Amino acid sequence: MIEKFHRLLAIILRVEKSITVLAFVVMTLTIIADVLSRKVTGLGIVGAPRIAVFAMIITALVSFGLASNSRRHLRPKFADKWLPASWDTMIIRLQELFTALFCLVFAIVAVGVVYETYQLGETSRMLRLPVWPMQAVIPLVFFIAALRHGLYGLYLELRPPLEKASSIEPTLLSDEVTSK
């Protein structure tokens, strides 16, 4: 069972990395093309800055999953040694489950916002495209984060160790929590 979840998390991570790289490339190439167009013709590409901003937003939102997977997301560490080390496993489990719950609640609220935007028919003024597909990234990344942290909370051995923070795929924990 754990191996299936491990494979699922690895697939999610690969998709997140691919989307992040693609969005970053779109952002970069759009800005470069706009600047070159301004230099050569004196006119920029209509909508290029807005497209680049959308790509940047997607890059930032999807990168939340990458930071979360590598355990490099922001987290207060000042109280890490306040409680006995024997409680670490329980505390880590609660931390992951609380994070999953937070992300789930945030995703549900975001679905409501996206749905309201859809109902109102809001569009980007410059591009004249609906805004809701762009906004739909928000609940998606938080649902994925809820799934990821929920699995980490239920199966601590799925949680990547800090020293593997730059690895391509999530690794099974064998020594961090399970040895305590």
N, C-alpha and C. Protein backbone atom coordinates (compact mmCIF):
# COMPACT_ATOMS: atom_id res chain seq x y z
N MET A 1 0.82 -1.20 0.00
CA MET A 1 0.00 0.00 0.00
C MET A 1 0.87 1.26 0.00
N ILE A 2 1.89 1.27 0.83
CA ILE A 2 2.75 2.44 0.93
C ILE A 2 3.48 2.67 -0.38
N GLU A 3 3.89 1.60 -1.05
CA GLU A 3 4.57 1.75 -2.34
C GLU A 3 3.67 2.42 -3.37
N LYS A 4 2.37 2.11 -3.34
CA LYS A 4 1.43 2.76 -4.28
C LYS A 4 1.35 4.25 -3.99
N PHE A 5 1.28 4.61 -2.72
CA PHE A 5 1.25 6.02 -2.36
C PHE A 5 2.57 6.70 -2.72
N HIS A 6 3.66 5.99 -2.54
CA HIS A 6 4.96 6.53 -2.90
C HIS A 6 5.02 6.81 -4.40
N ARG A 7 4.53 5.90 -5.22
CA ARG A 7 4.50 6.10 -6.67
C ARG A 7 3.59 7.26 -7.04
N LEU A 8 2.44 7.35 -6.37
CA LEU A 8 1.50 8.45 -6.63
C LEU A 8 2.18 9.79 -6.33
N LEU A 9 2.85 9.88 -5.19
CA LEU A 9 3.54 11.13 -4.83
C LEU A 9 4.66 11.45 -5.81
N ALA A 10 5.34 10.42 -6.30
CA ALA A 10 6.41 10.64 -7.28
C ALA A 10 5.84 11.17 -8.59
N ILE A 11 4.70 10.65 -9.01
CA ILE A 11 4.05 11.13 -10.24
C ILE A 11 3.61 12.57 -10.06
N ILE A 12 2.97 12.86 -8.93
CA ILE A 12 2.53 14.23 -8.65
C ILE A 12 3.72 15.18 -8.68
N LEU A 13 4.83 14.77 -8.07
CA LEU A 13 6.02 15.61 -8.03
C LEU A 13 6.55 15.88 -9.44
N ARG A 14 6.60 14.85 -10.27
CA ARG A 14 7.08 15.04 -11.64
C ARG A 14 6.18 16.00 -12.41
N VAL A 15 4.87 15.86 -12.23
CA VAL A 15 3.92 16.76 -12.91
C VAL A 15 4.12 18.19 -12.40
N GLU A 16 4.25 18.35 -11.08
CA GLU A 16 4.47 19.69 -10.52
C GLU A 16 5.75 20.32 -11.08
N LYS A 17 6.81 19.54 -11.14
CA LYS A 17 8.07 20.07 -11.68
C LYS A 17 7.92 20.45 -13.15
N SER A 18 7.24 19.62 -13.91
CA SER A 18 7.05 19.91 -15.34
C SER A 18 6.23 21.18 -15.53
N ILE A 19 5.15 21.31 -14.79
CA ILE A 19 4.31 22.50 -14.90
C ILE A 19 5.09 23.74 -14.49
N THR A 20 5.85 23.63 -13.41
CA THR A 20 6.63 24.78 -12.94
C THR A 20 7.64 25.22 -13.99
N VAL A 21 8.36 24.27 -14.56
CA VAL A 21 9.36 24.61 -15.59
C VAL A 21 8.67 25.21 -16.81
N LEU A 22 7.58 24.58 -17.25
CA LEU A 22 6.86 25.09 -18.43
C LEU A 22 6.35 26.51 -18.19
N ALA A 23 5.73 26.75 -17.04
CA ALA A 23 5.21 28.08 -16.74
C ALA A 23 6.34 29.11 -16.66
N PHE A 24 7.48 28.71 -16.08
CA PHE A 24 8.62 29.61 -16.00
C PHE A 24 9.16 29.94 -17.39
N VAL A 25 9.22 28.94 -18.26
CA VAL A 25 9.69 29.15 -19.63
C VAL A 25 8.73 30.08 -20.37
N VAL A 26 7.42 29.84 -20.22
CA VAL A 26 6.43 30.71 -20.86
C VAL A 26 6.60 32.15 -20.38
N MET A 27 6.74 32.33 -19.08
CA MET A 27 6.93 33.66 -18.52
C MET A 27 8.17 34.32 -19.11
N THR A 28 9.28 33.61 -19.10
CA THR A 28 10.54 34.17 -19.57
C THR A 28 10.51 34.49 -21.06
N LEU A 29 10.04 33.55 -21.86
CA LEU A 29 10.00 33.77 -23.31
C LEU A 29 9.02 34.88 -23.69
N THR A 30 7.92 34.97 -22.97
CA THR A 30 6.94 36.02 -23.25
C THR A 30 7.54 37.40 -22.99
N ILE A 31 8.23 37.54 -21.88
CA ILE A 31 8.85 38.83 -21.56
C ILE A 31 9.97 39.15 -22.55
N ILE A 32 10.79 38.15 -22.87
CA ILE A 32 11.88 38.37 -23.85
C ILE A 32 11.30 38.79 -25.20
N ALA A 33 10.26 38.09 -25.66
CA ALA A 33 9.64 38.42 -26.94
C ALA A 33 9.04 39.82 -26.90
N ASP A 34 8.42 40.19 -25.80
CA ASP A 34 7.83 41.52 -25.67
C ASP A 34 8.91 42.60 -25.71
N VAL A 35 10.02 42.39 -24.98
CA VAL A 35 11.11 43.36 -24.97
C VAL A 35 11.74 43.48 -26.36
N LEU A 36 12.00 42.34 -27.00
CA LEU A 36 12.57 42.37 -28.35
C LEU A 36 11.63 43.08 -29.33
N SER A 37 10.35 42.81 -29.22
CA SER A 37 9.38 43.45 -30.09
C SER A 37 9.39 44.96 -29.87
N ARG A 38 9.50 45.40 -28.63
CA ARG A 38 9.56 46.83 -28.34
C ARG A 38 10.83 47.45 -28.92
N LYS A 39 11.94 46.74 -28.84
CA LYS A 39 13.21 47.27 -29.35
C LYS A 39 13.23 47.33 -30.88
N VAL A 40 12.67 46.30 -31.52
CA VAL A 40 12.72 46.21 -32.98
C VAL A 40 11.63 47.05 -33.64
N THR A 41 10.41 46.94 -33.17
CA THR A 41 9.28 47.61 -33.84
C THR A 41 8.78 48.85 -33.10
N GLY A 42 9.19 48.99 -31.85
CA GLY A 42 8.68 50.11 -31.06
C GLY A 42 7.35 49.80 -30.39
N LEU A 43 6.81 48.62 -30.65
CA LEU A 43 5.55 48.20 -30.05
C LEU A 43 5.73 46.88 -29.34
N GLY A 44 5.11 46.75 -28.19
CA GLY A 44 5.15 45.49 -27.47
C GLY A 44 4.09 44.53 -27.98
N ILE A 45 4.12 43.33 -27.48
CA ILE A 45 3.13 42.32 -27.85
C ILE A 45 1.93 42.51 -26.94
N VAL A 46 0.77 42.67 -27.55
CA VAL A 46 -0.46 42.91 -26.79
C VAL A 46 -0.72 41.75 -25.83
N GLY A 47 -0.86 42.07 -24.56
CA GLY A 47 -1.18 41.06 -23.55
C GLY A 47 0.02 40.31 -23.00
N ALA A 48 1.21 40.57 -23.52
CA ALA A 48 2.39 39.82 -23.07
C ALA A 48 2.65 39.97 -21.57
N PRO A 49 2.60 41.19 -21.03
CA PRO A 49 2.83 41.30 -19.57
C PRO A 49 1.82 40.51 -18.75
N ARG A 50 0.57 40.50 -19.18
CA ARG A 50 -0.49 39.78 -18.44
C ARG A 50 -0.24 38.27 -18.54
N ILE A 51 0.13 37.79 -19.71
CA ILE A 51 0.44 36.37 -19.87
C ILE A 51 1.62 35.99 -18.99
N ALA A 52 2.64 36.85 -18.96
CA ALA A 52 3.82 36.58 -18.12
C ALA A 52 3.43 36.56 -16.64
N VAL A 53 2.55 37.46 -16.23
CA VAL A 53 2.10 37.47 -14.83
C VAL A 53 1.33 36.20 -14.51
N PHE A 54 0.45 35.78 -15.40
CA PHE A 54 -0.28 34.53 -15.18
C PHE A 54 0.69 33.35 -15.05
N ALA A 55 1.68 33.31 -15.92
CA ALA A 55 2.67 32.22 -15.86
C ALA A 55 3.46 32.29 -14.56
N MET A 56 3.79 33.49 -14.10
CA MET A 56 4.51 33.64 -12.84
C MET A 56 3.66 33.15 -11.66
N ILE A 57 2.37 33.48 -11.69
CA ILE A 57 1.47 33.04 -10.62
C ILE A 57 1.39 31.51 -10.59
N ILE A 58 1.26 30.91 -11.75
CA ILE A 58 1.22 29.44 -11.81
C ILE A 58 2.53 28.85 -11.29
N THR A 59 3.65 29.46 -11.69
CA THR A 59 4.96 28.99 -11.20
C THR A 59 5.00 29.05 -9.68
N ALA A 60 4.59 30.16 -9.12
CA ALA A 60 4.64 30.33 -7.66
C ALA A 60 3.70 29.36 -6.94
N LEU A 61 2.50 29.21 -7.45
CA LEU A 61 1.53 28.34 -6.77
C LEU A 61 1.94 26.87 -6.83
N VAL A 62 2.36 26.42 -7.99
CA VAL A 62 2.75 25.02 -8.13
C VAL A 62 4.06 24.76 -7.36
N SER A 63 4.90 25.77 -7.24
CA SER A 63 6.14 25.62 -6.47
C SER A 63 5.87 25.37 -4.99
N PHE A 64 4.69 25.72 -4.53
CA PHE A 64 4.31 25.41 -3.14
C PHE A 64 4.42 23.90 -2.90
N GLY A 65 3.97 23.11 -3.87
CA GLY A 65 4.08 21.66 -3.75
C GLY A 65 5.52 21.19 -3.75
N LEU A 66 6.36 21.84 -4.54
CA LEU A 66 7.77 21.46 -4.58
C LEU A 66 8.45 21.76 -3.24
N ALA A 67 8.15 22.92 -2.69
CA ALA A 67 8.73 23.28 -1.39
C ALA A 67 8.20 22.35 -0.30
N SER A 68 6.93 22.04 -0.37
CA SER A 68 6.32 21.16 0.62
C SER A 68 6.91 19.75 0.54
N ASN A 69 7.12 19.27 -0.67
CA ASN A 69 7.70 17.94 -0.85
C ASN A 69 9.13 17.87 -0.31
N SER A 70 9.88 18.93 -0.48
CA SER A 70 11.27 18.93 -0.02
C SER A 70 11.40 19.39 1.42
N ARG A 71 10.27 19.67 2.05
CA ARG A 71 10.22 20.16 3.44
C ARG A 71 11.00 21.45 3.61
N ARG A 72 10.94 22.27 2.58
CA ARG A 72 11.61 23.58 2.62
C ARG A 72 10.59 24.72 2.70
N HIS A 73 9.33 24.39 2.97
CA HIS A 73 8.34 25.43 3.16
C HIS A 73 8.58 26.13 4.50
N LEU A 74 8.02 27.32 4.63
CA LEU A 74 8.21 28.09 5.85
C LEU A 74 7.54 27.40 7.03
N ARG A 75 8.28 27.31 8.12
CA ARG A 75 7.76 26.68 9.31
C ARG A 75 8.53 27.21 10.51
N PRO A 76 7.81 27.61 11.56
CA PRO A 76 8.53 28.07 12.76
C PRO A 76 9.25 26.89 13.42
N LYS A 77 10.51 27.09 13.75
CA LYS A 77 11.31 26.01 14.32
C LYS A 77 11.78 26.32 15.74
N PHE A 78 11.38 27.47 16.27
CA PHE A 78 11.90 27.88 17.57
C PHE A 78 11.49 26.95 18.71
N ALA A 79 10.38 26.26 18.55
CA ALA A 79 9.88 25.41 19.64
C ALA A 79 10.18 23.93 19.42
N ASP A 80 11.00 23.60 18.44
CA ASP A 80 11.27 22.20 18.11
C ASP A 80 11.82 21.38 19.27
N LYS A 81 12.54 21.98 20.16
CA LYS A 81 13.19 21.25 21.26
C LYS A 81 12.49 21.44 22.61
N TRP A 82 11.31 22.04 22.60
CA TRP A 82 10.60 22.29 23.85
C TRP A 82 10.02 21.02 24.47
N LEU A 83 9.67 20.06 23.64
CA LEU A 83 9.03 18.84 24.12
C LEU A 83 10.03 17.68 24.04
N PRO A 84 9.78 16.64 24.82
CA PRO A 84 10.71 15.50 24.82
C PRO A 84 10.82 14.85 23.44
N ALA A 85 12.00 14.38 23.12
CA ALA A 85 12.25 13.73 21.84
C ALA A 85 11.35 12.51 21.62
N SER A 86 10.93 11.89 22.72
CA SER A 86 10.05 10.71 22.60
C SER A 86 8.69 11.07 22.00
N TRP A 87 8.34 12.34 21.99
CA TRP A 87 7.07 12.78 21.42
C TRP A 87 7.18 13.12 19.93
N ASP A 88 8.39 13.09 19.39
CA ASP A 88 8.62 13.56 18.02
C ASP A 88 7.71 12.90 16.98
N THR A 89 7.58 11.60 17.04
CA THR A 89 6.75 10.90 16.06
C THR A 89 5.31 11.39 16.10
N MET A 90 4.75 11.49 17.31
CA MET A 90 3.37 11.97 17.44
C MET A 90 3.25 13.42 16.97
N ILE A 91 4.20 14.25 17.33
CA ILE A 91 4.16 15.66 16.95
C ILE A 91 4.26 15.82 15.44
N ILE A 92 5.17 15.07 14.82
CA ILE A 92 5.32 15.13 13.35
C ILE A 92 4.03 14.67 12.68
N ARG A 93 3.45 13.61 13.19
CA ARG A 93 2.19 13.11 12.61
C ARG A 93 1.09 14.17 12.73
N LEU A 94 0.96 14.78 13.91
CA LEU A 94 -0.05 15.83 14.12
C LEU A 94 0.23 17.05 13.23
N GLN A 95 1.49 17.40 13.12
CA GLN A 95 1.88 18.53 12.28
C GLN A 95 1.46 18.29 10.83
N GLU A 96 1.74 17.10 10.31
CA GLU A 96 1.37 16.79 8.93
C GLU A 96 -0.14 16.74 8.74
N LEU A 97 -0.84 16.15 9.70
CA LEU A 97 -2.30 16.07 9.59
C LEU A 97 -2.95 17.45 9.72
N PHE A 98 -2.42 18.29 10.60
CA PHE A 98 -2.93 19.66 10.74
C PHE A 98 -2.68 20.44 9.45
N THR A 99 -1.50 20.27 8.86
CA THR A 99 -1.19 20.93 7.59
C THR A 99 -2.15 20.46 6.50
N ALA A 100 -2.42 19.16 6.47
CA ALA A 100 -3.36 18.61 5.49
C ALA A 100 -4.75 19.21 5.68
N LEU A 101 -5.19 19.31 6.92
CA LEU A 101 -6.50 19.90 7.21
C LEU A 101 -6.54 21.36 6.79
N PHE A 102 -5.52 22.12 7.11
CA PHE A 102 -5.45 23.52 6.72
C PHE A 102 -5.54 23.65 5.20
N CYS A 103 -4.75 22.86 4.48
CA CYS A 103 -4.76 22.92 3.02
C CYS A 103 -6.11 22.51 2.45
N LEU A 104 -6.74 21.53 3.06
CA LEU A 104 -8.06 21.10 2.60
C LEU A 104 -9.10 22.21 2.78
N VAL A 105 -9.10 22.85 3.94
CA VAL A 105 -10.04 23.95 4.19
C VAL A 105 -9.77 25.08 3.21
N PHE A 106 -8.50 25.42 3.02
CA PHE A 106 -8.14 26.49 2.09
C PHE A 106 -8.59 26.14 0.68
N ALA A 107 -8.43 24.89 0.28
CA ALA A 107 -8.84 24.45 -1.06
C ALA A 107 -10.36 24.56 -1.23
N ILE A 108 -11.10 24.18 -0.22
CA ILE A 108 -12.56 24.25 -0.29
C ILE A 108 -13.02 25.70 -0.42
N VAL A 109 -12.43 26.59 0.37
CA VAL A 109 -12.76 28.01 0.27
C VAL A 109 -12.40 28.53 -1.12
N ALA A 110 -11.24 28.12 -1.63
CA ALA A 110 -10.80 28.56 -2.96
C ALA A 110 -11.74 28.08 -4.06
N VAL A 111 -12.29 26.88 -3.90
CA VAL A 111 -13.27 26.38 -4.88
C VAL A 111 -14.47 27.34 -4.93
N GLY A 112 -14.91 27.79 -3.76
CA GLY A 112 -16.02 28.74 -3.71
C GLY A 112 -15.69 30.04 -4.43
N VAL A 113 -14.49 30.53 -4.25
CA VAL A 113 -14.07 31.77 -4.91
C VAL A 113 -14.03 31.58 -6.43
N VAL A 114 -13.46 30.46 -6.86
CA VAL A 114 -13.37 30.18 -8.29
C VAL A 114 -14.77 30.03 -8.89
N TYR A 115 -15.64 29.36 -8.18
CA TYR A 115 -17.01 29.18 -8.68
C TYR A 115 -17.73 30.51 -8.79
N GLU A 116 -17.53 31.37 -7.82
CA GLU A 116 -18.16 32.70 -7.86
C GLU A 116 -17.63 33.51 -9.04
N THR A 117 -16.34 33.43 -9.28
CA THR A 117 -15.74 34.12 -10.42
C THR A 117 -16.31 33.59 -11.73
N TYR A 118 -16.50 32.27 -11.78
CA TYR A 118 -17.09 31.63 -12.96
C TYR A 118 -18.52 32.13 -13.18
N GLN A 119 -19.31 32.15 -12.09
CA GLN A 119 -20.70 32.60 -12.19
C GLN A 119 -20.81 34.05 -12.62
N LEU A 120 -19.89 34.88 -12.14
CA LEU A 120 -19.91 36.29 -12.50
C LEU A 120 -19.39 36.54 -13.91
N GLY A 121 -18.73 35.55 -14.48
CA GLY A 121 -18.20 35.69 -15.83
C GLY A 121 -17.05 36.69 -15.93
N GLU A 122 -16.29 36.82 -14.87
CA GLU A 122 -15.19 37.78 -14.87
C GLU A 122 -14.13 37.38 -15.89
N THR A 123 -13.61 38.40 -16.57
CA THR A 123 -12.59 38.18 -17.59
C THR A 123 -11.40 39.11 -17.36
N SER A 124 -10.29 38.74 -17.94
CA SER A 124 -9.11 39.60 -17.94
C SER A 124 -9.37 40.71 -18.93
N ARG A 125 -9.22 41.92 -18.49
CA ARG A 125 -9.52 43.07 -19.35
C ARG A 125 -8.66 43.07 -20.62
N MET A 126 -7.38 42.81 -20.45
CA MET A 126 -6.45 42.88 -21.59
C MET A 126 -6.63 41.70 -22.55
N LEU A 127 -6.72 40.50 -22.01
CA LEU A 127 -6.79 39.31 -22.85
C LEU A 127 -8.21 38.90 -23.22
N ARG A 128 -9.17 39.42 -22.51
CA ARG A 128 -10.59 39.09 -22.71
C ARG A 128 -10.85 37.59 -22.58
N LEU A 129 -10.15 36.99 -21.63
CA LEU A 129 -10.32 35.57 -21.34
C LEU A 129 -10.90 35.42 -19.94
N PRO A 130 -11.67 34.36 -19.70
CA PRO A 130 -12.18 34.13 -18.35
C PRO A 130 -11.04 33.98 -17.34
N VAL A 131 -11.28 34.49 -16.14
CA VAL A 131 -10.26 34.46 -15.10
C VAL A 131 -10.31 33.13 -14.33
N TRP A 132 -11.45 32.49 -14.26
CA TRP A 132 -11.60 31.33 -13.39
C TRP A 132 -10.65 30.17 -13.71
N PRO A 133 -10.31 29.88 -15.00
CA PRO A 133 -9.36 28.78 -15.21
C PRO A 133 -8.00 29.06 -14.56
N MET A 134 -7.58 30.30 -14.60
CA MET A 134 -6.32 30.69 -13.95
C MET A 134 -6.46 30.52 -12.43
N GLN A 135 -7.58 30.95 -11.89
CA GLN A 135 -7.81 30.83 -10.45
C GLN A 135 -7.95 29.38 -10.01
N ALA A 136 -8.37 28.51 -10.90
CA ALA A 136 -8.59 27.10 -10.55
C ALA A 136 -7.31 26.41 -10.09
N VAL A 137 -6.17 27.00 -10.41
CA VAL A 137 -4.89 26.46 -9.95
C VAL A 137 -4.82 26.49 -8.42
N ILE A 138 -5.42 27.50 -7.81
CA ILE A 138 -5.32 27.67 -6.35
C ILE A 138 -5.92 26.47 -5.60
N PRO A 139 -7.20 26.13 -5.83
CA PRO A 139 -7.72 24.97 -5.09
C PRO A 139 -7.01 23.67 -5.47
N LEU A 140 -6.58 23.56 -6.72
CA LEU A 140 -5.88 22.35 -7.15
C LEU A 140 -4.60 22.13 -6.36
N VAL A 141 -3.76 23.16 -6.25
CA VAL A 141 -2.50 22.98 -5.53
C VAL A 141 -2.74 22.72 -4.05
N PHE A 142 -3.79 23.30 -3.49
CA PHE A 142 -4.06 23.06 -2.07
C PHE A 142 -4.69 21.70 -1.83
N PHE A 143 -5.49 21.19 -2.78
CA PHE A 143 -5.99 19.82 -2.66
C PHE A 143 -4.83 18.82 -2.74
N ILE A 144 -3.91 19.07 -3.65
CA ILE A 144 -2.74 18.19 -3.78
C ILE A 144 -1.89 18.25 -2.51
N ALA A 145 -1.72 19.45 -1.96
CA ALA A 145 -0.95 19.59 -0.71
C ALA A 145 -1.66 18.87 0.43
N ALA A 146 -2.98 18.95 0.46
CA ALA A 146 -3.75 18.24 1.50
C ALA A 146 -3.54 16.74 1.37
N LEU A 147 -3.58 16.24 0.15
CA LEU A 147 -3.33 14.82 -0.09
C LEU A 147 -1.91 14.44 0.34
N ARG A 148 -0.93 15.23 -0.08
CA ARG A 148 0.47 14.94 0.23
C ARG A 148 0.69 14.91 1.75
N HIS A 149 0.25 15.96 2.43
CA HIS A 149 0.49 16.01 3.88
C HIS A 149 -0.38 15.01 4.64
N GLY A 150 -1.56 14.72 4.12
CA GLY A 150 -2.38 13.68 4.74
C GLY A 150 -1.68 12.33 4.68
N LEU A 151 -1.10 12.03 3.51
CA LEU A 151 -0.35 10.77 3.38
C LEU A 151 0.88 10.77 4.28
N TYR A 152 1.57 11.91 4.37
CA TYR A 152 2.72 12.00 5.26
C TYR A 152 2.31 11.77 6.71
N GLY A 153 1.15 12.30 7.08
CA GLY A 153 0.67 12.13 8.45
C GLY A 153 0.26 10.70 8.76
N LEU A 154 -0.32 10.04 7.78
CA LEU A 154 -0.76 8.65 7.99
C LEU A 154 0.40 7.67 7.87
N TYR A 155 1.32 7.95 6.97
CA TYR A 155 2.45 7.07 6.73
C TYR A 155 3.74 7.89 6.80
N LEU A 156 4.28 8.02 7.98
CA LEU A 156 5.45 8.87 8.18
C LEU A 156 6.64 8.46 7.31
N GLU A 157 6.70 7.22 6.93
CA GLU A 157 7.82 6.77 6.11
C GLU A 157 7.78 7.34 4.69
N LEU A 158 6.66 7.93 4.28
CA LEU A 158 6.57 8.60 2.98
C LEU A 158 7.18 10.00 3.03
N ARG A 159 7.27 10.54 4.20
CA ARG A 159 7.77 11.91 4.38
C ARG A 159 9.25 11.97 4.02
N PRO A 160 9.62 12.82 3.05
CA PRO A 160 11.02 12.86 2.64
C PRO A 160 11.92 13.43 3.74
N PRO A 161 13.07 12.84 3.94
CA PRO A 161 14.01 13.38 4.93
C PRO A 161 14.61 14.69 4.42
N LEU A 162 15.02 15.54 5.33
CA LEU A 162 15.58 16.84 4.97
C LEU A 162 16.81 16.73 4.08
N GLU A 163 17.67 15.77 4.34
CA GLU A 163 18.89 15.65 3.54
C GLU A 163 18.61 15.26 2.11
N LYS A 164 17.39 14.81 1.81
CA LYS A 164 17.00 14.44 0.45
C LYS A 164 16.18 15.56 -0.18
N ALA A 165 16.28 16.75 0.35
CA ALA A 165 15.44 17.86 -0.08
C ALA A 165 15.56 18.18 -1.56
N SER A 166 16.70 17.93 -2.15
CA SER A 166 16.86 18.26 -3.56
C SER A 166 16.65 17.07 -4.48
N SER A 167 16.18 15.96 -3.94
CA SER A 167 16.02 14.76 -4.76
C SER A 167 14.88 14.92 -5.77
N ILE A 168 14.91 14.10 -6.78
CA ILE A 168 13.92 14.14 -7.84
C ILE A 168 12.58 13.60 -7.35
N GLU A 169 12.60 12.54 -6.60
CA GLU A 169 11.37 11.89 -6.17
C GLU A 169 11.33 11.79 -4.66
N PRO A 170 10.10 11.73 -4.08
CA PRO A 170 10.03 11.52 -2.64
C PRO A 170 10.64 10.17 -2.29
N THR A 171 11.36 10.11 -1.20
CA THR A 171 11.98 8.86 -0.79
C THR A 171 11.32 8.32 0.45
N LEU A 172 11.35 7.05 0.60
CA LEU A 172 10.80 6.44 1.80
C LEU A 172 11.72 6.72 2.98
N LEU A 173 11.12 7.06 4.10
CA LEU A 173 11.91 7.26 5.32
C LEU A 173 12.20 5.91 5.92
N SER A 174 13.42 5.70 6.24
CA SER A 174 13.74 4.45 6.91
C SER A 174 14.47 4.72 8.22
N ASP A 175 15.01 5.93 8.34
CA ASP A 175 15.83 6.18 9.52
C ASP A 175 15.40 7.42 10.30
N GLU A 176 14.69 8.36 9.71
CA GLU A 176 14.40 9.61 10.40
C GLU A 176 13.42 9.44 11.55
N VAL A 177 12.20 9.00 11.26
CA VAL A 177 11.18 8.89 12.30
C VAL A 177 11.02 7.46 12.78
N THR A 178 11.14 6.53 11.84
CA THR A 178 10.85 5.14 12.18
C THR A 178 11.88 4.55 13.13
N SER A 179 13.07 5.14 13.23
CA SER A 179 14.09 4.58 14.11
C SER A 179 13.99 5.10 15.55
N LYS A 180 13.13 6.10 15.77
CA LYS A 180 13.02 6.69 17.10
C LYS A 180 12.24 5.83 18.06
